[in-house]
């Protein structure tokens, strides 16, 4: 199984997460707020919503860059060809936690 599909399966196992297609991605949300999306076109592209501070840390990693359509609010793009599953999952979990906080505000 590819890194990309492994990540997708791990996200699907997170409690209280829902999913629906949006903007060409299979998006996953918690409490109605999206925190991660898996591209329907590229089997390597994962986008994650982080805080701006965590975004700045994440983009120092090879294979992670600001996501063009949401960089101003903390979204990153992970290239799963270059980022190991464990590292990508770390950022997805941080995105999940960040988004839970946003949803409760």
PDB file of N, CA and C in Angstrom:
ATOM      1  N   UNK A   1       0.846  -1.181   0.000  1.00  0.00           N
ATOM      2  CA  UNK A   1       0.000   0.000   0.000  1.00  0.00           C
ATOM      3  C   UNK A   1       0.889   1.240   0.000  1.00  0.00           C
ATOM      4  N   UNK A   2       0.489   2.220  -0.756  1.00  0.00           N
ATOM      5  CA  UNK A   2       1.286   3.438  -0.842  1.00  0.00           C
ATOM      6  C   UNK A   2       1.175   4.260   0.438  1.00  0.00           C
ATOM      7  N   UNK A   3       2.149   5.124   0.624  1.00  0.00           N
ATOM      8  CA  UNK A   3       2.165   6.078   1.725  1.00  0.00           C
ATOM      9  C   UNK A   3       0.862   6.876   1.738  1.00  0.00           C
ATOM     10  N   UNK A   4       0.439   7.335   0.579  1.00  0.00           N
ATOM     11  CA  UNK A   4      -0.777   8.140   0.414  1.00  0.00           C
ATOM     12  C   UNK A   4      -2.002   7.377   0.928  1.00  0.00           C
ATOM     13  N   UNK A   5      -2.193   6.149   0.469  1.00  0.00           N
ATOM     14  CA  UNK A   5      -3.358   5.364   0.892  1.00  0.00           C
ATOM     15  C   UNK A   5      -3.290   4.974   2.360  1.00  0.00           C
ATOM     16  N   UNK A   6      -2.096   4.721   2.851  1.00  0.00           N
ATOM     17  CA  UNK A   6      -1.929   4.410   4.264  1.00  0.00           C
ATOM     18  C   UNK A   6      -2.378   5.587   5.127  1.00  0.00           C
ATOM     19  N   UNK A   7      -1.983   6.786   4.739  1.00  0.00           N
ATOM     20  CA  UNK A   7      -2.399   7.986   5.462  1.00  0.00           C
ATOM     21  C   UNK A   7      -3.921   8.159   5.423  1.00  0.00           C
ATOM     22  N   UNK A   8      -4.485   7.967   4.266  1.00  0.00           N
ATOM     23  CA  UNK A   8      -5.932   8.110   4.093  1.00  0.00           C
ATOM     24  C   UNK A   8      -6.676   7.145   5.012  1.00  0.00           C
ATOM     25  N   UNK A   9      -6.198   5.915   5.088  1.00  0.00           N
ATOM     26  CA  UNK A   9      -6.827   4.920   5.954  1.00  0.00           C
ATOM     27  C   UNK A   9      -6.700   5.295   7.424  1.00  0.00           C
ATOM     28  N   UNK A  10      -5.543   5.818   7.824  1.00  0.00           N
ATOM     29  CA  UNK A  10      -5.335   6.220   9.216  1.00  0.00           C
ATOM     30  C   UNK A  10      -6.250   7.386   9.599  1.00  0.00           C
ATOM     31  N   UNK A  11      -6.436   8.333   8.699  1.00  0.00           N
ATOM     32  CA  UNK A  11      -7.327   9.462   8.970  1.00  0.00           C
ATOM     33  C   UNK A  11      -8.770   8.977   9.103  1.00  0.00           C
ATOM     34  N   UNK A  12      -9.174   8.058   8.252  1.00  0.00           N
ATOM     35  CA  UNK A  12     -10.540   7.529   8.296  1.00  0.00           C
ATOM     36  C   UNK A  12     -10.840   6.845   9.630  1.00  0.00           C
ATOM     37  N   UNK A  13      -9.805   6.394  10.337  1.00  0.00           N
ATOM     38  CA  UNK A  13      -9.982   5.709  11.624  1.00  0.00           C
ATOM     39  C   UNK A  13     -10.093   6.672  12.807  1.00  0.00           C
ATOM     40  N   UNK A  14      -9.839   7.964  12.609  1.00  0.00           N
ATOM     41  CA  UNK A  14      -9.914   8.924  13.711  1.00  0.00           C
ATOM     42  C   UNK A  14     -11.381   9.080  14.131  1.00  0.00           C
ATOM     43  N   UNK A  15     -11.658   8.958  15.428  1.00  0.00           N
ATOM     44  CA  UNK A  15     -13.047   9.079  15.896  1.00  0.00           C
ATOM     45  C   UNK A  15     -13.661  10.447  15.575  1.00  0.00           C
ATOM     46  N   UNK A  16     -14.950  10.436  15.256  1.00  0.00           N
ATOM     47  CA  UNK A  16     -15.767  11.628  15.012  1.00  0.00           C
ATOM     48  C   UNK A  16     -15.379  12.413  13.762  1.00  0.00           C
ATOM     49  N   UNK A  17     -14.598  11.811  12.879  1.00  0.00           N
ATOM     50  CA  UNK A  17     -14.200  12.465  11.633  1.00  0.00           C
ATOM     51  C   UNK A  17     -15.211  12.099  10.551  1.00  0.00           C
ATOM     52  N   UNK A  18     -15.618  13.101   9.783  1.00  0.00           N
ATOM     53  CA  UNK A  18     -16.509  12.860   8.651  1.00  0.00           C
ATOM     54  C   UNK A  18     -15.777  13.232   7.368  1.00  0.00           C
ATOM     55  N   UNK A  19     -16.282  12.741   6.255  1.00  0.00           N
ATOM     56  CA  UNK A  19     -15.614  12.989   4.979  1.00  0.00           C
ATOM     57  C   UNK A  19     -16.622  13.317   3.889  1.00  0.00           C
ATOM     58  N   UNK A  20     -16.171  14.150   2.951  1.00  0.00           N
ATOM     59  CA  UNK A  20     -16.952  14.411   1.739  1.00  0.00           C
ATOM     60  C   UNK A  20     -16.028  15.036   0.701  1.00  0.00           C
ATOM     61  N   UNK A  21     -16.355  14.847  -0.574  1.00  0.00           N
ATOM     62  CA  UNK A  21     -15.541  15.455  -1.624  1.00  0.00           C
ATOM     63  C   UNK A  21     -15.786  16.957  -1.693  1.00  0.00           C
ATOM     64  N   UNK A  22     -14.694  17.699  -1.896  1.00  0.00           N
ATOM     65  CA  UNK A  22     -14.808  19.143  -2.024  1.00  0.00           C
ATOM     66  C   UNK A  22     -13.595  19.673  -2.770  1.00  0.00           C
ATOM     67  N   UNK A  23     -13.821  20.505  -3.773  1.00  0.00           N
ATOM     68  CA  UNK A  23     -12.758  21.177  -4.526  1.00  0.00           C
ATOM     69  C   UNK A  23     -11.708  20.221  -5.083  1.00  0.00           C
ATOM     70  N   UNK A  24     -12.111  19.031  -5.504  1.00  0.00           N
ATOM     71  CA  UNK A  24     -11.173  18.067  -6.080  1.00  0.00           C
ATOM     72  C   UNK A  24     -10.391  17.269  -5.052  1.00  0.00           C
ATOM     73  N   UNK A  25     -10.831  17.308  -3.793  1.00  0.00           N
ATOM     74  CA  UNK A  25     -10.172  16.579  -2.709  1.00  0.00           C
ATOM     75  C   UNK A  25     -11.204  15.749  -1.964  1.00  0.00           C
ATOM     76  N   UNK A  26     -10.755  14.648  -1.395  1.00  0.00           N
ATOM     77  CA  UNK A  26     -11.567  13.923  -0.430  1.00  0.00           C
ATOM     78  C   UNK A  26     -11.206  14.538   0.913  1.00  0.00           C
ATOM     79  N   UNK A  27     -12.095  15.368   1.441  1.00  0.00           N
ATOM     80  CA  UNK A  27     -11.797  16.154   2.641  1.00  0.00           C
ATOM     81  C   UNK A  27     -12.348  15.489   3.894  1.00  0.00           C
ATOM     82  N   UNK A  28     -11.617  15.629   4.963  1.00  0.00           N
ATOM     83  CA  UNK A  28     -11.998  15.088   6.260  1.00  0.00           C
ATOM     84  C   UNK A  28     -12.153  16.249   7.233  1.00  0.00           C
ATOM     85  N   UNK A  29     -13.218  16.183   8.035  1.00  0.00           N
ATOM     86  CA  UNK A  29     -13.486  17.268   8.967  1.00  0.00           C
ATOM     87  C   UNK A  29     -13.780  16.729  10.361  1.00  0.00           C
ATOM     88  N   UNK A  30     -13.653  17.646  11.317  1.00  0.00           N
ATOM     89  CA  UNK A  30     -14.011  17.374  12.708  1.00  0.00           C
ATOM     90  C   UNK A  30     -14.916  18.533  13.129  1.00  0.00           C
ATOM     91  N   UNK A  31     -16.065  18.216  13.669  1.00  0.00           N
ATOM     92  CA  UNK A  31     -17.044  19.217  14.097  1.00  0.00           C
ATOM     93  C   UNK A  31     -17.368  20.213  12.974  1.00  0.00           C
ATOM     94  N   UNK A  32     -17.428  19.705  11.737  1.00  0.00           N
ATOM     95  CA  UNK A  32     -17.821  20.532  10.604  1.00  0.00           C
ATOM     96  C   UNK A  32     -16.728  21.386   9.989  1.00  0.00           C
ATOM     97  N   UNK A  33     -15.505  21.260  10.465  1.00  0.00           N
ATOM     98  CA  UNK A  33     -14.380  22.054   9.917  1.00  0.00           C
ATOM     99  C   UNK A  33     -13.360  21.111   9.290  1.00  0.00           C
ATOM    100  N   UNK A  34     -12.972  21.411   8.056  1.00  0.00           N
ATOM    101  CA  UNK A  34     -11.999  20.576   7.356  1.00  0.00           C
ATOM    102  C   UNK A  34     -10.597  20.747   7.929  1.00  0.00           C
ATOM    103  N   UNK A  35      -9.873  19.633   8.049  1.00  0.00           N
ATOM    104  CA  UNK A  35      -8.493  19.705   8.527  1.00  0.00           C
ATOM    105  C   UNK A  35      -7.516  19.009   7.598  1.00  0.00           C
ATOM    106  N   UNK A  36      -7.996  18.144   6.712  1.00  0.00           N
ATOM    107  CA  UNK A  36      -7.099  17.461   5.780  1.00  0.00           C
ATOM    108  C   UNK A  36      -7.873  17.104   4.515  1.00  0.00           C
ATOM    109  N   UNK A  37      -7.157  17.148   3.384  1.00  0.00           N
ATOM    110  CA  UNK A  37      -7.748  16.747   2.115  1.00  0.00           C
ATOM    111  C   UNK A  37      -6.762  15.921   1.312  1.00  0.00           C
ATOM    112  N   UNK A  38      -7.276  14.910   0.653  1.00  0.00           N
ATOM    113  CA  UNK A  38      -6.478  14.030  -0.202  1.00  0.00           C
ATOM    114  C   UNK A  38      -6.902  14.277  -1.639  1.00  0.00           C
ATOM    115  N   UNK A  39      -5.955  14.664  -2.485  1.00  0.00           N
ATOM    116  CA  UNK A  39      -6.253  15.018  -3.865  1.00  0.00           C
ATOM    117  C   UNK A  39      -6.884  13.854  -4.615  1.00  0.00           C
ATOM    118  N   UNK A  40      -7.919  14.173  -5.390  1.00  0.00           N
ATOM    119  CA  UNK A  40      -8.531  13.167  -6.262  1.00  0.00           C
ATOM    120  C   UNK A  40      -7.776  13.043  -7.582  1.00  0.00           C
ATOM    121  N   UNK A  41      -6.868  13.972  -7.860  1.00  0.00           N
ATOM    122  CA  UNK A  41      -6.122  13.974  -9.118  1.00  0.00           C
ATOM    123  C   UNK A  41      -4.710  13.423  -8.959  1.00  0.00           C
ATOM    124  N   UNK A  42      -4.087  13.702  -7.824  1.00  0.00           N
ATOM    125  CA  UNK A  42      -2.691  13.294  -7.589  1.00  0.00           C
ATOM    126  C   UNK A  42      -2.625  12.362  -6.392  1.00  0.00           C
ATOM    127  N   UNK A  43      -2.106  11.173  -6.586  1.00  0.00           N
ATOM    128  CA  UNK A  43      -2.059  10.217  -5.475  1.00  0.00           C
ATOM    129  C   UNK A  43      -0.836  10.429  -4.594  1.00  0.00           C
ATOM    130  N   UNK A  44      -0.438  11.669  -4.442  1.00  0.00           N
ATOM    131  CA  UNK A  44       0.684  12.020  -3.576  1.00  0.00           C
ATOM    132  C   UNK A  44       0.402  13.275  -2.760  1.00  0.00           C
ATOM    133  N   UNK A  45      -0.618  14.044  -3.160  1.00  0.00           N
ATOM    134  CA  UNK A  45      -0.860  15.367  -2.580  1.00  0.00           C
ATOM    135  C   UNK A  45      -1.875  15.308  -1.442  1.00  0.00           C
ATOM    136  N   UNK A  46      -1.420  15.768  -0.271  1.00  0.00           N
ATOM    137  CA  UNK A  46      -2.274  15.867   0.908  1.00  0.00           C
ATOM    138  C   UNK A  46      -2.176  17.303   1.415  1.00  0.00           C
ATOM    139  N   UNK A  47      -3.315  17.916   1.710  1.00  0.00           N
ATOM    140  CA  UNK A  47      -3.298  19.265   2.276  1.00  0.00           C
ATOM    141  C   UNK A  47      -3.782  19.192   3.719  1.00  0.00           C
ATOM    142  N   UNK A  48      -3.175  20.026   4.580  1.00  0.00           N
ATOM    143  CA  UNK A  48      -3.482  20.001   6.011  1.00  0.00           C
ATOM    144  C   UNK A  48      -3.585  21.433   6.517  1.00  0.00           C
ATOM    145  N   UNK A  49      -4.568  21.676   7.368  1.00  0.00           N
ATOM    146  CA  UNK A  49      -4.707  22.999   7.987  1.00  0.00           C
ATOM    147  C   UNK A  49      -4.004  23.007   9.343  1.00  0.00           C
ATOM    148  N   UNK A  50      -3.056  23.903   9.482  1.00  0.00           N
ATOM    149  CA  UNK A  50      -2.306  24.078  10.725  1.00  0.00           C
ATOM    150  C   UNK A  50      -2.466  25.520  11.204  1.00  0.00           C
ATOM    151  N   UNK A  51      -1.976  25.782  12.400  1.00  0.00           N
ATOM    152  CA  UNK A  51      -1.867  27.173  12.831  1.00  0.00           C
ATOM    153  C   UNK A  51      -0.761  27.807  11.987  1.00  0.00           C
ATOM    154  N   UNK A  52      -0.732  29.123  11.913  1.00  0.00           N
ATOM    155  CA  UNK A  52       0.320  29.790  11.134  1.00  0.00           C
ATOM    156  C   UNK A  52       1.705  29.461  11.685  1.00  0.00           C
ATOM    157  N   UNK A  53       1.816  29.349  13.010  1.00  0.00           N
ATOM    158  CA  UNK A  53       3.109  29.035  13.632  1.00  0.00           C
ATOM    159  C   UNK A  53       3.579  27.627  13.233  1.00  0.00           C
ATOM    160  N   UNK A  54       2.658  26.660  13.307  1.00  0.00           N
ATOM    161  CA  UNK A  54       3.023  25.295  12.920  1.00  0.00           C
ATOM    162  C   UNK A  54       3.297  25.198  11.425  1.00  0.00           C
ATOM    163  N   UNK A  55       2.584  25.980  10.624  1.00  0.00           N
ATOM    164  CA  UNK A  55       2.832  26.004   9.187  1.00  0.00           C
ATOM    165  C   UNK A  55       4.280  26.405   8.926  1.00  0.00           C
ATOM    166  N   UNK A  56       4.759  27.438   9.620  1.00  0.00           N
ATOM    167  CA  UNK A  56       6.122  27.916   9.417  1.00  0.00           C
ATOM    168  C   UNK A  56       7.147  26.846   9.778  1.00  0.00           C
ATOM    169  N   UNK A  57       6.859  26.049  10.775  1.00  0.00           N
ATOM    170  CA  UNK A  57       7.746  24.938  11.148  1.00  0.00           C
ATOM    171  C   UNK A  57       7.674  23.828  10.102  1.00  0.00           C
ATOM    172  N   UNK A  58       6.459  23.471   9.701  1.00  0.00           N
ATOM    173  CA  UNK A  58       6.261  22.359   8.764  1.00  0.00           C
ATOM    174  C   UNK A  58       6.952  22.593   7.427  1.00  0.00           C
ATOM    175  N   UNK A  59       6.908  23.819   6.915  1.00  0.00           N
ATOM    176  CA  UNK A  59       7.446  24.072   5.574  1.00  0.00           C
ATOM    177  C   UNK A  59       8.976  24.039   5.533  1.00  0.00           C
ATOM    178  N   UNK A  60       9.600  23.873   6.674  1.00  0.00           N
ATOM    179  CA  UNK A  60      11.054  23.683   6.703  1.00  0.00           C
ATOM    180  C   UNK A  60      11.427  22.251   6.337  1.00  0.00           C
ATOM    181  N   UNK A  61      10.439  21.378   6.244  1.00  0.00           N
ATOM    182  CA  UNK A  61      10.632  19.968   5.913  1.00  0.00           C
ATOM    183  C   UNK A  61      10.604  19.784   4.399  1.00  0.00           C
ATOM    184  N   UNK A  62      11.557  19.025   3.873  1.00  0.00           N
ATOM    185  CA  UNK A  62      11.568  18.696   2.447  1.00  0.00           C
ATOM    186  C   UNK A  62      10.270  17.978   2.082  1.00  0.00           C
ATOM    187  N   UNK A  63       9.587  18.450   1.057  1.00  0.00           N
ATOM    188  CA  UNK A  63       8.351  17.817   0.605  1.00  0.00           C
ATOM    189  C   UNK A  63       7.098  18.473   1.156  1.00  0.00           C
ATOM    190  N   UNK A  64       7.258  19.528   1.976  1.00  0.00           N
ATOM    191  CA  UNK A  64       6.113  20.268   2.507  1.00  0.00           C
ATOM    192  C   UNK A  64       6.269  21.735   2.120  1.00  0.00           C
ATOM    193  N   UNK A  65       5.181  22.314   1.609  1.00  0.00           N
ATOM    194  CA  UNK A  65       5.197  23.731   1.243  1.00  0.00           C
ATOM    195  C   UNK A  65       3.844  24.336   1.577  1.00  0.00           C
ATOM    196  N   UNK A  66       3.758  25.682   1.601  1.00  0.00           N
ATOM    197  CA  UNK A  66       2.453  26.313   1.814  1.00  0.00           C
ATOM    198  C   UNK A  66       1.508  25.912   0.682  1.00  0.00           C
ATOM    199  N   UNK A  67       0.263  25.652   0.999  1.00  0.00           N
ATOM    200  CA  UNK A  67      -0.722  25.310  -0.022  1.00  0.00           C
ATOM    201  C   UNK A  67      -1.249  26.609  -0.619  1.00  0.00           C
ATOM    202  N   UNK A  68      -1.131  26.747  -1.926  1.00  0.00           N
ATOM    203  CA  UNK A  68      -1.404  28.003  -2.617  1.00  0.00           C
ATOM    204  C   UNK A  68      -2.780  28.600  -2.329  1.00  0.00           C
ATOM    205  N   UNK A  69      -3.797  27.775  -2.169  1.00  0.00           N
ATOM    206  CA  UNK A  69      -5.157  28.302  -2.003  1.00  0.00           C
ATOM    207  C   UNK A  69      -5.532  28.561  -0.548  1.00  0.00           C
ATOM    208  N   UNK A  70      -4.636  28.287   0.382  1.00  0.00           N
ATOM    209  CA  UNK A  70      -4.978  28.502   1.781  1.00  0.00           C
ATOM    210  C   UNK A  70      -3.787  28.837   2.648  1.00  0.00           C
ATOM    211  N   UNK A  71      -2.699  29.228   2.013  1.00  0.00           N
ATOM    212  CA  UNK A  71      -1.459  29.493   2.755  1.00  0.00           C
ATOM    213  C   UNK A  71      -1.636  30.581   3.803  1.00  0.00           C
ATOM    214  N   UNK A  72      -2.488  31.548   3.522  1.00  0.00           N
ATOM    215  CA  UNK A  72      -2.659  32.668   4.446  1.00  0.00           C
ATOM    216  C   UNK A  72      -3.296  32.250   5.766  1.00  0.00           C
ATOM    217  N   UNK A  73      -4.010  31.129   5.779  1.00  0.00           N
ATOM    218  CA  UNK A  73      -4.632  30.683   7.028  1.00  0.00           C
ATOM    219  C   UNK A  73      -3.995  29.398   7.573  1.00  0.00           C
ATOM    220  N   UNK A  74      -2.830  29.034   7.047  1.00  0.00           N
ATOM    221  CA  UNK A  74      -2.081  27.930   7.632  1.00  0.00           C
ATOM    222  C   UNK A  74      -2.072  26.607   6.884  1.00  0.00           C
ATOM    223  N   UNK A  75      -2.712  26.522   5.743  1.00  0.00           N
ATOM    224  CA  UNK A  75      -2.737  25.253   5.004  1.00  0.00           C
ATOM    225  C   UNK A  75      -1.353  24.939   4.415  1.00  0.00           C
ATOM    226  N   UNK A  76      -1.006  23.661   4.477  1.00  0.00           N
ATOM    227  CA  UNK A  76       0.228  23.171   3.861  1.00  0.00           C
ATOM    228  C   UNK A  76      -0.116  22.083   2.855  1.00  0.00           C
ATOM    229  N   UNK A  77       0.816  21.828   1.955  1.00  0.00           N
ATOM    230  CA  UNK A  77       0.707  20.735   0.987  1.00  0.00           C
ATOM    231  C   UNK A  77       1.849  19.765   1.267  1.00  0.00           C
ATOM    232  N   UNK A  78       1.494  18.512   1.445  1.00  0.00           N
ATOM    233  CA  UNK A  78       2.483  17.467   1.706  1.00  0.00           C
ATOM    234  C   UNK A  78       2.602  16.596   0.467  1.00  0.00           C
ATOM    235  N   UNK A  79       3.826  16.423  -0.012  1.00  0.00           N
ATOM    236  CA  UNK A  79       4.097  15.503  -1.120  1.00  0.00           C
ATOM    237  C   UNK A  79       4.512  14.177  -0.490  1.00  0.00           C
ATOM    238  N   UNK A  80       3.619  13.198  -0.542  1.00  0.00           N
ATOM    239  CA  UNK A  80       3.874  11.915   0.131  1.00  0.00           C
ATOM    240  C   UNK A  80       4.958  11.085  -0.551  1.00  0.00           C
ATOM    241  N   UNK A  81       5.456  11.545  -1.698  1.00  0.00           N
ATOM    242  CA  UNK A  81       6.602  10.875  -2.317  1.00  0.00           C
ATOM    243  C   UNK A  81       7.890  11.191  -1.563  1.00  0.00           C
ATOM    244  N   UNK A  82       7.900  12.310  -0.833  1.00  0.00           N
ATOM    245  CA  UNK A  82       9.104  12.766  -0.140  1.00  0.00           C
ATOM    246  C   UNK A  82       8.990  12.783   1.380  1.00  0.00           C
ATOM    247  N   UNK A  83       7.773  12.783   1.882  1.00  0.00           N
ATOM    248  CA  UNK A  83       7.555  12.868   3.325  1.00  0.00           C
ATOM    249  C   UNK A  83       7.135  11.491   3.846  1.00  0.00           C
ATOM    250  N   UNK A  84       7.882  10.925   4.792  1.00  0.00           N
ATOM    251  CA  UNK A  84       7.518   9.612   5.341  1.00  0.00           C
ATOM    252  C   UNK A  84       6.135   9.638   6.000  1.00  0.00           C
ATOM    253  N   UNK A  85       5.483   8.495   6.021  1.00  0.00           N
ATOM    254  CA  UNK A  85       4.144   8.381   6.601  1.00  0.00           C
ATOM    255  C   UNK A  85       4.104   8.920   8.021  1.00  0.00           C
ATOM    256  N   UNK A  86       5.092   8.576   8.840  1.00  0.00           N
ATOM    257  CA  UNK A  86       5.079   9.004  10.245  1.00  0.00           C
ATOM    258  C   UNK A  86       5.131  10.525  10.363  1.00  0.00           C
ATOM    259  N   UNK A  87       5.926  11.181   9.534  1.00  0.00           N
ATOM    260  CA  UNK A  87       6.025  12.631   9.564  1.00  0.00           C
ATOM    261  C   UNK A  87       4.738  13.273   9.055  1.00  0.00           C
ATOM    262  N   UNK A  88       4.203  12.771   7.965  1.00  0.00           N
ATOM    263  CA  UNK A  88       2.945  13.307   7.422  1.00  0.00           C
ATOM    264  C   UNK A  88       1.811  13.124   8.426  1.00  0.00           C
ATOM    265  N   UNK A  89       1.763  11.975   9.071  1.00  0.00           N
ATOM    266  CA  UNK A  89       0.718  11.706  10.048  1.00  0.00           C
ATOM    267  C   UNK A  89       0.842  12.643  11.249  1.00  0.00           C
ATOM    268  N   UNK A  90       2.068  12.977  11.623  1.00  0.00           N
ATOM    269  CA  UNK A  90       2.282  13.932  12.720  1.00  0.00           C
ATOM    270  C   UNK A  90       1.613  15.265  12.386  1.00  0.00           C
ATOM    271  N   UNK A  91       1.806  15.750  11.160  1.00  0.00           N
ATOM    272  CA  UNK A  91       1.215  17.030  10.766  1.00  0.00           C
ATOM    273  C   UNK A  91      -0.298  16.928  10.641  1.00  0.00           C
ATOM    274  N   UNK A  92      -0.791  15.806  10.164  1.00  0.00           N
ATOM    275  CA  UNK A  92      -2.241  15.611  10.065  1.00  0.00           C
ATOM    276  C   UNK A  92      -2.866  15.627  11.460  1.00  0.00           C
ATOM    277  N   UNK A  93      -2.222  14.971  12.417  1.00  0.00           N
ATOM    278  CA  UNK A  93      -2.741  14.959  13.793  1.00  0.00           C
ATOM    279  C   UNK A  93      -2.714  16.363  14.401  1.00  0.00           C
ATOM    280  N   UNK A  94      -1.668  17.120  14.104  1.00  0.00           N
ATOM    281  CA  UNK A  94      -1.610  18.504  14.592  1.00  0.00           C
ATOM    282  C   UNK A  94      -2.703  19.346  13.945  1.00  0.00           C
ATOM    283  N   UNK A  95      -2.956  19.091  12.667  1.00  0.00           N
ATOM    284  CA  UNK A  95      -4.048  19.783  11.981  1.00  0.00           C
ATOM    285  C   UNK A  95      -5.401  19.436  12.583  1.00  0.00           C
ATOM    286  N   UNK A  96      -5.579  18.179  12.935  1.00  0.00           N
ATOM    287  CA  UNK A  96      -6.809  17.712  13.570  1.00  0.00           C
ATOM    288  C   UNK A  96      -7.009  18.439  14.898  1.00  0.00           C
ATOM    289  N   UNK A  97      -5.969  18.498  15.720  1.00  0.00           N
ATOM    290  CA  UNK A  97      -6.059  19.170  17.023  1.00  0.00           C
ATOM    291  C   UNK A  97      -6.327  20.668  16.854  1.00  0.00           C
ATOM    292  N   UNK A  98      -5.632  21.302  15.930  1.00  0.00           N
ATOM    293  CA  UNK A  98      -5.821  22.737  15.675  1.00  0.00           C
ATOM    294  C   UNK A  98      -7.267  23.015  15.239  1.00  0.00           C
ATOM    295  N   UNK A  99      -7.784  22.186  14.369  1.00  0.00           N
ATOM    296  CA  UNK A  99      -9.124  22.394  13.841  1.00  0.00           C
ATOM    297  C   UNK A  99     -10.189  22.127  14.898  1.00  0.00           C
ATOM    298  N   UNK A 100      -9.952  21.179  15.804  1.00  0.00           N
ATOM    299  CA  UNK A 100     -10.893  20.964  16.912  1.00  0.00           C
ATOM    300  C   UNK A 100     -11.009  22.231  17.749  1.00  0.00           C
ATOM    301  N   UNK A 101      -9.893  22.875  17.994  1.00  0.00           N
ATOM    302  CA  UNK A 101      -9.903  24.133  18.769  1.00  0.00           C
ATOM    303  C   UNK A 101     -10.672  25.212  18.014  1.00  0.00           C
ATOM    304  N   UNK A 102     -10.417  25.342  16.707  1.00  0.00           N
ATOM    305  CA  UNK A 102     -11.118  26.340  15.896  1.00  0.00           C
ATOM    306  C   UNK A 102     -12.623  26.099  15.892  1.00  0.00           C
ATOM    307  N   UNK A 103     -13.025  24.840  15.816  1.00  0.00           N
ATOM    308  CA  UNK A 103     -14.444  24.487  15.736  1.00  0.00           C
ATOM    309  C   UNK A 103     -15.184  24.833  17.025  1.00  0.00           C
ATOM    310  N   UNK A 104     -14.485  24.847  18.129  1.00  0.00           N
ATOM    311  CA  UNK A 104     -15.121  25.122  19.424  1.00  0.00           C
ATOM    312  C   UNK A 104     -15.153  26.606  19.762  1.00  0.00           C
ATOM    313  N   UNK A 105     -14.528  27.432  18.931  1.00  0.00           N
ATOM    314  CA  UNK A 105     -14.517  28.885  19.202  1.00  0.00           C
ATOM    315  C   UNK A 105     -15.795  29.545  18.761  1.00  0.00           C
TER     316      UNK A 105
END
